[in-house]
């Protein structure tokens, strides 16, 4: 981890745990440098990164403030990587965005998939099947499978955008696939989607993806509705759940 990333990993929790409101002033560069025992230049670099993600904003001759607007989606990925909880509305909306992206992706994948994509999907499914049969988690195989469908669109920008949502959902996938039954069921659904992509049946593939994601969505929406935690004002007022 670079010095900047290491400092960011300490700085973000510091700001979040103090629950500064949007637009609220936070400690100055000098105060932060003293607190974290680093140079002003190092703090400035870390703050520049957070400013680019719309976590904070710096105002000329006024100081450092929490951003007055929503943090970027890349910031949500950063929070997830740092183990900071996303609030309920962030989770709900990220689940919704994943559904929109993946339904579009599988439709395009049916039209554009290459022999290489088909071979890679088959390879992923074989490894996933062995784990599902053994009762092991398929969390990582699930990510690889869905990522390869997006890759099969042959749209690299689309692939990079959707990957952000896979970072955000990493811990949720780990939790979801603790159930051996879910692993086996998801593997079966993956096989059906793969077969539809292979024969380029966009209508069947889309219907299968919609049904697959509906089951996942129902699980997370039910969990969110049962979860009540304190809000994290820096992002959005809402209930925290595991990211």
C-alpha atoms as a PDB file:
ATOM      1  CA  UNK A   1       0.000   0.000   0.000  1.00  0.00           C
ATOM      2  CA  UNK A   2       1.399   3.427  -0.969  1.00  0.00           C
ATOM      3  CA  UNK A   3       2.037   6.091   1.665  1.00  0.00           C
ATOM      4  CA  UNK A   4      -0.932   8.074   0.340  1.00  0.00           C
ATOM      5  CA  UNK A   5      -3.277   5.101   0.429  1.00  0.00           C
ATOM      6  CA  UNK A   6      -2.081   4.163   3.905  1.00  0.00           C
ATOM      7  CA  UNK A   7      -2.767   7.687   5.130  1.00  0.00           C
ATOM      8  CA  UNK A   8      -6.180   7.762   3.418  1.00  0.00           C
ATOM      9  CA  UNK A   9      -7.021   4.467   5.149  1.00  0.00           C
ATOM     10  CA  UNK A  10      -6.408   6.203   8.498  1.00  0.00           C
ATOM     11  CA  UNK A  11      -7.898   9.561   7.585  1.00  0.00           C
ATOM     12  CA  UNK A  12     -11.285   8.385   6.293  1.00  0.00           C
ATOM     13  CA  UNK A  13     -12.278   6.463   9.460  1.00  0.00           C
ATOM     14  CA  UNK A  14     -11.152   9.462  11.531  1.00  0.00           C
ATOM     15  CA  UNK A  15     -13.559  11.708   9.612  1.00  0.00           C
ATOM     16  CA  UNK A  16     -16.386   9.181   9.549  1.00  0.00           C
ATOM     17  CA  UNK A  17     -16.272   8.247  13.211  1.00  0.00           C
ATOM     18  CA  UNK A  18     -16.618  11.894  14.200  1.00  0.00           C
ATOM     19  CA  UNK A  19     -19.766  12.091  12.059  1.00  0.00           C
ATOM     20  CA  UNK A  20     -19.148  15.527  10.607  1.00  0.00           C
ATOM     21  CA  UNK A  21     -22.181  16.925   8.822  1.00  0.00           C
ATOM     22  CA  UNK A  22     -22.067  17.817   5.145  1.00  0.00           C
ATOM     23  CA  UNK A  23     -20.396  21.176   4.720  1.00  0.00           C
ATOM     24  CA  UNK A  24     -18.997  21.117   8.260  1.00  0.00           C
ATOM     25  CA  UNK A  25     -15.453  22.283   8.790  1.00  0.00           C
ATOM     26  CA  UNK A  26     -12.919  19.618   9.805  1.00  0.00           C
ATOM     27  CA  UNK A  27      -9.406  19.972  11.284  1.00  0.00           C
ATOM     28  CA  UNK A  28      -6.955  21.952   9.189  1.00  0.00           C
ATOM     29  CA  UNK A  29      -4.076  20.476   7.166  1.00  0.00           C
ATOM     30  CA  UNK A  30      -1.688  21.480   9.960  1.00  0.00           C
ATOM     31  CA  UNK A  31      -3.842  19.858  12.661  1.00  0.00           C
ATOM     32  CA  UNK A  32      -4.265  16.680  10.626  1.00  0.00           C
ATOM     33  CA  UNK A  33      -0.539  16.495   9.912  1.00  0.00           C
ATOM     34  CA  UNK A  34       0.186  16.746  13.628  1.00  0.00           C
ATOM     35  CA  UNK A  35      -2.478  14.206  14.552  1.00  0.00           C
ATOM     36  CA  UNK A  36      -1.207  11.610  12.071  1.00  0.00           C
ATOM     37  CA  UNK A  37       2.477  12.494  12.507  1.00  0.00           C
ATOM     38  CA  UNK A  38       3.062  13.130   8.793  1.00  0.00           C
ATOM     39  CA  UNK A  39       4.140  16.120   6.727  1.00  0.00           C
ATOM     40  CA  UNK A  40       1.796  18.808   5.441  1.00  0.00           C
ATOM     41  CA  UNK A  41       2.621  17.630   1.928  1.00  0.00           C
ATOM     42  CA  UNK A  42       1.474  14.085   2.694  1.00  0.00           C
ATOM     43  CA  UNK A  43      -1.783  15.338   4.210  1.00  0.00           C
ATOM     44  CA  UNK A  44      -2.317  17.623   1.224  1.00  0.00           C
ATOM     45  CA  UNK A  45      -1.898  14.708  -1.191  1.00  0.00           C
ATOM     46  CA  UNK A  46      -4.343  12.527   0.773  1.00  0.00           C
ATOM     47  CA  UNK A  47      -6.884  15.352   0.943  1.00  0.00           C
ATOM     48  CA  UNK A  48      -6.545  15.972  -2.804  1.00  0.00           C
ATOM     49  CA  UNK A  49      -7.467  12.343  -3.387  1.00  0.00           C
ATOM     50  CA  UNK A  50     -10.484  12.584  -1.071  1.00  0.00           C
ATOM     51  CA  UNK A  51     -11.518  15.832  -2.725  1.00  0.00           C
ATOM     52  CA  UNK A  52     -11.480  14.114  -6.128  1.00  0.00           C
ATOM     53  CA  UNK A  53     -13.846  11.491  -4.668  1.00  0.00           C
ATOM     54  CA  UNK A  54     -16.094  14.278  -3.278  1.00  0.00           C
ATOM     55  CA  UNK A  55     -15.551  13.185   0.315  1.00  0.00           C
ATOM     56  CA  UNK A  56     -14.165  16.576   1.367  1.00  0.00           C
ATOM     57  CA  UNK A  57     -13.753  19.979  -0.244  1.00  0.00           C
ATOM     58  CA  UNK A  58     -11.139  22.639   0.326  1.00  0.00           C
ATOM     59  CA  UNK A  59     -12.095  26.289   0.257  1.00  0.00           C
ATOM     60  CA  UNK A  60      -9.527  28.978  -0.401  1.00  0.00           C
ATOM     61  CA  UNK A  61      -8.577  30.825   2.802  1.00  0.00           C
ATOM     62  CA  UNK A  62     -11.315  28.959   4.706  1.00  0.00           C
ATOM     63  CA  UNK A  63     -10.031  25.448   5.307  1.00  0.00           C
ATOM     64  CA  UNK A  64     -11.156  21.861   4.828  1.00  0.00           C
ATOM     65  CA  UNK A  65     -14.842  20.900   4.913  1.00  0.00           C
ATOM     66  CA  UNK A  66     -16.876  17.762   4.426  1.00  0.00           C
ATOM     67  CA  UNK A  67     -18.290  17.799   0.894  1.00  0.00           C
ATOM     68  CA  UNK A  68     -21.697  19.404   0.589  1.00  0.00           C
ATOM     69  CA  UNK A  69     -22.716  17.004  -2.205  1.00  0.00           C
ATOM     70  CA  UNK A  70     -22.965  13.210  -2.456  1.00  0.00           C
ATOM     71  CA  UNK A  71     -19.680  11.310  -2.422  1.00  0.00           C
ATOM     72  CA  UNK A  72     -18.741   9.669  -5.721  1.00  0.00           C
ATOM     73  CA  UNK A  73     -19.389   5.992  -6.413  1.00  0.00           C
ATOM     74  CA  UNK A  74     -15.615   5.472  -6.272  1.00  0.00           C
ATOM     75  CA  UNK A  75     -15.765   6.803  -2.711  1.00  0.00           C
ATOM     76  CA  UNK A  76     -18.326   4.139  -1.850  1.00  0.00           C
ATOM     77  CA  UNK A  77     -15.901   1.528  -3.156  1.00  0.00           C
ATOM     78  CA  UNK A  78     -13.144   3.057  -1.026  1.00  0.00           C
ATOM     79  CA  UNK A  79     -15.333   2.924   2.103  1.00  0.00           C
ATOM     80  CA  UNK A  80     -16.162  -0.712   1.388  1.00  0.00           C
ATOM     81  CA  UNK A  81     -12.480  -1.589   0.965  1.00  0.00           C
ATOM     82  CA  UNK A  82     -11.700   0.114   4.268  1.00  0.00           C
ATOM     83  CA  UNK A  83     -14.436  -1.864   6.024  1.00  0.00           C
ATOM     84  CA  UNK A  84     -16.615   1.185   6.687  1.00  0.00           C
ATOM     85  CA  UNK A  85     -20.350   0.418   6.650  1.00  0.00           C
ATOM     86  CA  UNK A  86     -22.518   1.825   3.890  1.00  0.00           C
ATOM     87  CA  UNK A  87     -25.876   3.189   4.926  1.00  0.00           C
ATOM     88  CA  UNK A  88     -29.073   1.360   4.028  1.00  0.00           C
ATOM     89  CA  UNK A  89     -29.996   3.631   1.138  1.00  0.00           C
ATOM     90  CA  UNK A  90     -26.532   3.302  -0.433  1.00  0.00           C
ATOM     91  CA  UNK A  91     -26.857  -0.483  -0.264  1.00  0.00           C
ATOM     92  CA  UNK A  92     -30.405  -0.433  -1.636  1.00  0.00           C
ATOM     93  CA  UNK A  93     -29.425   1.777  -4.556  1.00  0.00           C
ATOM     94  CA  UNK A  94     -26.227  -0.151  -5.339  1.00  0.00           C
ATOM     95  CA  UNK A  95     -28.270  -3.375  -5.493  1.00  0.00           C
ATOM     96  CA  UNK A  96     -30.677  -1.645  -7.885  1.00  0.00           C
ATOM     97  CA  UNK A  97     -27.833  -0.359 -10.068  1.00  0.00           C
ATOM     98  CA  UNK A  98     -26.271  -3.814 -10.204  1.00  0.00           C
ATOM     99  CA  UNK A  99     -29.557  -5.206 -11.511  1.00  0.00           C
ATOM    100  CA  UNK A 100     -29.796  -2.542 -14.221  1.00  0.00           C
ATOM    101  CA  UNK A 101     -26.195  -3.131 -15.297  1.00  0.00           C
ATOM    102  CA  UNK A 102     -26.252  -6.906 -15.299  1.00  0.00           C
ATOM    103  CA  UNK A 103     -29.497  -7.269 -17.229  1.00  0.00           C
ATOM    104  CA  UNK A 104     -28.090  -4.973 -19.907  1.00  0.00           C
ATOM    105  CA  UNK A 105     -24.796  -6.854 -19.795  1.00  0.00           C
ATOM    106  CA  UNK A 106     -26.211 -10.331 -20.371  1.00  0.00           C
ATOM    107  CA  UNK A 107     -28.279  -9.082 -23.307  1.00  0.00           C
ATOM    108  CA  UNK A 108     -25.187  -7.602 -24.937  1.00  0.00           C
ATOM    109  CA  UNK A 109     -23.098 -10.641 -24.023  1.00  0.00           C
ATOM    110  CA  UNK A 110     -25.452 -12.853 -26.036  1.00  0.00           C
ATOM    111  CA  UNK A 111     -24.785 -10.693 -29.096  1.00  0.00           C
ATOM    112  CA  UNK A 112     -21.065 -10.085 -28.663  1.00  0.00           C
ATOM    113  CA  UNK A 113     -19.531 -12.947 -26.648  1.00  0.00           C
ATOM    114  CA  UNK A 114     -16.368 -14.425 -28.095  1.00  0.00           C
ATOM    115  CA  UNK A 115     -15.077 -17.985 -28.019  1.00  0.00           C
ATOM    116  CA  UNK A 116     -12.653 -16.813 -25.340  1.00  0.00           C
ATOM    117  CA  UNK A 117     -15.518 -15.538 -23.162  1.00  0.00           C
ATOM    118  CA  UNK A 118     -17.363 -18.843 -23.512  1.00  0.00           C
ATOM    119  CA  UNK A 119     -14.239 -20.800 -22.589  1.00  0.00           C
ATOM    120  CA  UNK A 120     -13.594 -18.586 -19.577  1.00  0.00           C
ATOM    121  CA  UNK A 121     -17.201 -18.852 -18.355  1.00  0.00           C
ATOM    122  CA  UNK A 122     -17.019 -22.639 -18.684  1.00  0.00           C
ATOM    123  CA  UNK A 123     -13.770 -22.694 -16.699  1.00  0.00           C
ATOM    124  CA  UNK A 124     -15.278 -20.537 -13.934  1.00  0.00           C
ATOM    125  CA  UNK A 125     -18.365 -22.725 -13.730  1.00  0.00           C
ATOM    126  CA  UNK A 126     -16.305 -25.894 -13.416  1.00  0.00           C
ATOM    127  CA  UNK A 127     -14.370 -24.458 -10.457  1.00  0.00           C
ATOM    128  CA  UNK A 128     -17.578 -23.078  -8.958  1.00  0.00           C
ATOM    129  CA  UNK A 129     -19.314 -26.448  -9.329  1.00  0.00           C
ATOM    130  CA  UNK A 130     -16.572 -28.260  -7.444  1.00  0.00           C
ATOM    131  CA  UNK A 131     -16.882 -25.810  -4.550  1.00  0.00           C
ATOM    132  CA  UNK A 132     -20.677 -25.927  -4.504  1.00  0.00           C
ATOM    133  CA  UNK A 133     -20.584 -29.717  -4.478  1.00  0.00           C
ATOM    134  CA  UNK A 134     -18.131 -29.686  -1.571  1.00  0.00           C
ATOM    135  CA  UNK A 135     -20.269 -27.209   0.380  1.00  0.00           C
ATOM    136  CA  UNK A 136     -17.694 -24.425   0.088  1.00  0.00           C
ATOM    137  CA  UNK A 137     -18.402 -20.748  -0.581  1.00  0.00           C
ATOM    138  CA  UNK A 138     -18.610 -19.652  -4.221  1.00  0.00           C
ATOM    139  CA  UNK A 139     -18.428 -15.929  -3.405  1.00  0.00           C
ATOM    140  CA  UNK A 140     -15.329 -15.282  -5.516  1.00  0.00           C
ATOM    141  CA  UNK A 141     -16.499 -17.559  -8.345  1.00  0.00           C
ATOM    142  CA  UNK A 142     -19.789 -15.644  -8.412  1.00  0.00           C
ATOM    143  CA  UNK A 143     -17.890 -12.384  -8.893  1.00  0.00           C
ATOM    144  CA  UNK A 144     -15.770 -13.903 -11.647  1.00  0.00           C
ATOM    145  CA  UNK A 145     -18.820 -15.306 -13.433  1.00  0.00           C
ATOM    146  CA  UNK A 146     -20.747 -12.045 -13.437  1.00  0.00           C
ATOM    147  CA  UNK A 147     -17.616 -10.064 -14.304  1.00  0.00           C
ATOM    148  CA  UNK A 148     -16.978 -12.276 -17.326  1.00  0.00           C
ATOM    149  CA  UNK A 149     -20.531 -11.687 -18.562  1.00  0.00           C
ATOM    150  CA  UNK A 150     -19.838  -7.940 -18.453  1.00  0.00           C
ATOM    151  CA  UNK A 151     -16.465  -8.499 -20.124  1.00  0.00           C
ATOM    152  CA  UNK A 152     -18.304 -10.378 -22.882  1.00  0.00           C
ATOM    153  CA  UNK A 153     -20.052  -7.112 -23.847  1.00  0.00           C
ATOM    154  CA  UNK A 154     -16.648  -6.072 -25.259  1.00  0.00           C
ATOM    155  CA  UNK A 155     -17.209  -2.654 -23.658  1.00  0.00           C
ATOM    156  CA  UNK A 156     -14.237  -1.910 -21.419  1.00  0.00           C
ATOM    157  CA  UNK A 157     -15.727   1.275 -19.944  1.00  0.00           C
ATOM    158  CA  UNK A 158     -18.858  -0.650 -18.952  1.00  0.00           C
ATOM    159  CA  UNK A 159     -16.649  -3.326 -17.405  1.00  0.00           C
ATOM    160  CA  UNK A 160     -14.696  -0.788 -15.330  1.00  0.00           C
ATOM    161  CA  UNK A 161     -17.873   0.918 -14.061  1.00  0.00           C
ATOM    162  CA  UNK A 162     -19.583  -2.324 -13.054  1.00  0.00           C
ATOM    163  CA  UNK A 163     -16.454  -3.538 -11.267  1.00  0.00           C
ATOM    164  CA  UNK A 164     -16.931  -0.715  -8.767  1.00  0.00           C
ATOM    165  CA  UNK A 165     -20.196  -2.327  -7.678  1.00  0.00           C
ATOM    166  CA  UNK A 166     -18.441  -5.675  -7.226  1.00  0.00           C
ATOM    167  CA  UNK A 167     -15.979  -3.982  -4.862  1.00  0.00           C
ATOM    168  CA  UNK A 168     -18.860  -2.434  -2.911  1.00  0.00           C
ATOM    169  CA  UNK A 169     -20.642  -5.786  -2.602  1.00  0.00           C
ATOM    170  CA  UNK A 170     -17.632  -7.933  -1.642  1.00  0.00           C
ATOM    171  CA  UNK A 171     -18.616  -8.373   2.008  1.00  0.00           C
ATOM    172  CA  UNK A 172     -22.261  -8.892   1.103  1.00  0.00           C
ATOM    173  CA  UNK A 173     -21.316 -11.714  -1.293  1.00  0.00           C
ATOM    174  CA  UNK A 174     -19.211 -13.334   1.426  1.00  0.00           C
ATOM    175  CA  UNK A 175     -22.171 -13.252   3.800  1.00  0.00           C
ATOM    176  CA  UNK A 176     -24.708 -14.378   1.204  1.00  0.00           C
ATOM    177  CA  UNK A 177     -22.678 -17.416   0.146  1.00  0.00           C
ATOM    178  CA  UNK A 178     -22.166 -18.734   3.654  1.00  0.00           C
ATOM    179  CA  UNK A 179     -25.224 -20.870   2.879  1.00  0.00           C
ATOM    180  CA  UNK A 180     -24.386 -24.088   1.009  1.00  0.00           C
ATOM    181  CA  UNK A 181     -27.937 -24.190  -0.358  1.00  0.00           C
ATOM    182  CA  UNK A 182     -27.539 -20.712  -1.867  1.00  0.00           C
ATOM    183  CA  UNK A 183     -24.233 -21.757  -3.404  1.00  0.00           C
ATOM    184  CA  UNK A 184     -25.772 -24.783  -5.098  1.00  0.00           C
ATOM    185  CA  UNK A 185     -28.852 -22.868  -6.238  1.00  0.00           C
ATOM    186  CA  UNK A 186     -26.795 -19.992  -7.644  1.00  0.00           C
ATOM    187  CA  UNK A 187     -24.487 -22.420  -9.431  1.00  0.00           C
ATOM    188  CA  UNK A 188     -27.468 -24.044 -11.136  1.00  0.00           C
ATOM    189  CA  UNK A 189     -28.783 -20.645 -12.189  1.00  0.00           C
ATOM    190  CA  UNK A 190     -25.333 -19.696 -13.509  1.00  0.00           C
ATOM    191  CA  UNK A 191     -25.259 -22.835 -15.656  1.00  0.00           C
ATOM    192  CA  UNK A 192     -28.649 -21.964 -17.176  1.00  0.00           C
ATOM    193  CA  UNK A 193     -27.470 -18.405 -17.946  1.00  0.00           C
ATOM    194  CA  UNK A 194     -24.252 -19.692 -19.480  1.00  0.00           C
ATOM    195  CA  UNK A 195     -26.161 -22.045 -21.775  1.00  0.00           C
ATOM    196  CA  UNK A 196     -28.414 -19.187 -22.929  1.00  0.00           C
ATOM    197  CA  UNK A 197     -25.378 -16.991 -23.641  1.00  0.00           C
ATOM    198  CA  UNK A 198     -23.665 -19.823 -25.502  1.00  0.00           C
ATOM    199  CA  UNK A 199     -26.648 -20.294 -27.841  1.00  0.00           C
ATOM    200  CA  UNK A 200     -27.093 -16.488 -28.057  1.00  0.00           C
ATOM    201  CA  UNK A 201     -30.644 -16.593 -26.733  1.00  0.00           C
ATOM    202  CA  UNK A 202     -30.931 -13.031 -25.392  1.00  0.00           C
ATOM    203  CA  UNK A 203     -34.579 -13.341 -24.330  1.00  0.00           C
ATOM    204  CA  UNK A 204     -33.954 -16.460 -22.233  1.00  0.00           C
ATOM    205  CA  UNK A 205     -30.695 -15.107 -20.801  1.00  0.00           C
ATOM    206  CA  UNK A 206     -32.349 -11.845 -19.750  1.00  0.00           C
ATOM    207  CA  UNK A 207     -35.255 -13.653 -18.084  1.00  0.00           C
ATOM    208  CA  UNK A 208     -32.843 -15.947 -16.247  1.00  0.00           C
ATOM    209  CA  UNK A 209     -30.732 -13.018 -15.027  1.00  0.00           C
ATOM    210  CA  UNK A 210     -33.820 -11.132 -13.854  1.00  0.00           C
ATOM    211  CA  UNK A 211     -35.008 -14.162 -11.865  1.00  0.00           C
ATOM    212  CA  UNK A 212     -31.503 -14.745 -10.475  1.00  0.00           C
ATOM    213  CA  UNK A 213     -31.125 -11.159  -9.264  1.00  0.00           C
ATOM    214  CA  UNK A 214     -34.674 -11.034  -7.925  1.00  0.00           C
ATOM    215  CA  UNK A 215     -33.806 -13.745  -5.425  1.00  0.00           C
ATOM    216  CA  UNK A 216     -30.654 -11.924  -4.337  1.00  0.00           C
ATOM    217  CA  UNK A 217     -32.492  -8.577  -4.124  1.00  0.00           C
ATOM    218  CA  UNK A 218     -35.221 -10.064  -1.943  1.00  0.00           C
ATOM    219  CA  UNK A 219     -32.630 -11.367   0.502  1.00  0.00           C
ATOM    220  CA  UNK A 220     -30.855  -8.007   0.846  1.00  0.00           C
ATOM    221  CA  UNK A 221     -33.984  -5.888   0.958  1.00  0.00           C
ATOM    222  CA  UNK A 222     -35.324  -8.117   3.723  1.00  0.00           C
ATOM    223  CA  UNK A 223     -32.085  -7.778   5.665  1.00  0.00           C
ATOM    224  CA  UNK A 224     -31.999  -4.000   5.226  1.00  0.00           C
ATOM    225  CA  UNK A 225     -35.581  -3.682   6.438  1.00  0.00           C
ATOM    226  CA  UNK A 226     -34.679  -5.552   9.626  1.00  0.00           C
ATOM    227  CA  UNK A 227     -31.537  -3.519  10.268  1.00  0.00           C
ATOM    228  CA  UNK A 228     -31.592  -0.332  12.326  1.00  0.00           C
ATOM    229  CA  UNK A 229     -28.335   1.500  12.984  1.00  0.00           C
ATOM    230  CA  UNK A 230     -27.052   5.010  13.370  1.00  0.00           C
ATOM    231  CA  UNK A 231     -26.731   7.171  10.229  1.00  0.00           C
ATOM    232  CA  UNK A 232     -23.421   8.273   8.755  1.00  0.00           C
ATOM    233  CA  UNK A 233     -24.076  11.947   7.922  1.00  0.00           C
ATOM    234  CA  UNK A 234     -21.006  12.386   5.723  1.00  0.00           C
ATOM    235  CA  UNK A 235     -22.621  10.301   3.004  1.00  0.00           C
ATOM    236  CA  UNK A 236     -26.366  10.225   3.447  1.00  0.00           C
ATOM    237  CA  UNK A 237     -28.750   9.952   6.351  1.00  0.00           C
ATOM    238  CA  UNK A 238     -29.857   6.332   6.619  1.00  0.00           C
ATOM    239  CA  UNK A 239     -29.453   3.075   8.470  1.00  0.00           C
ATOM    240  CA  UNK A 240     -26.090   1.405   8.399  1.00  0.00           C
ATOM    241  CA  UNK A 241     -25.768  -2.149   7.262  1.00  0.00           C
ATOM    242  CA  UNK A 242     -22.726  -4.259   6.458  1.00  0.00           C
ATOM    243  CA  UNK A 243     -21.117  -3.252   3.188  1.00  0.00           C
END
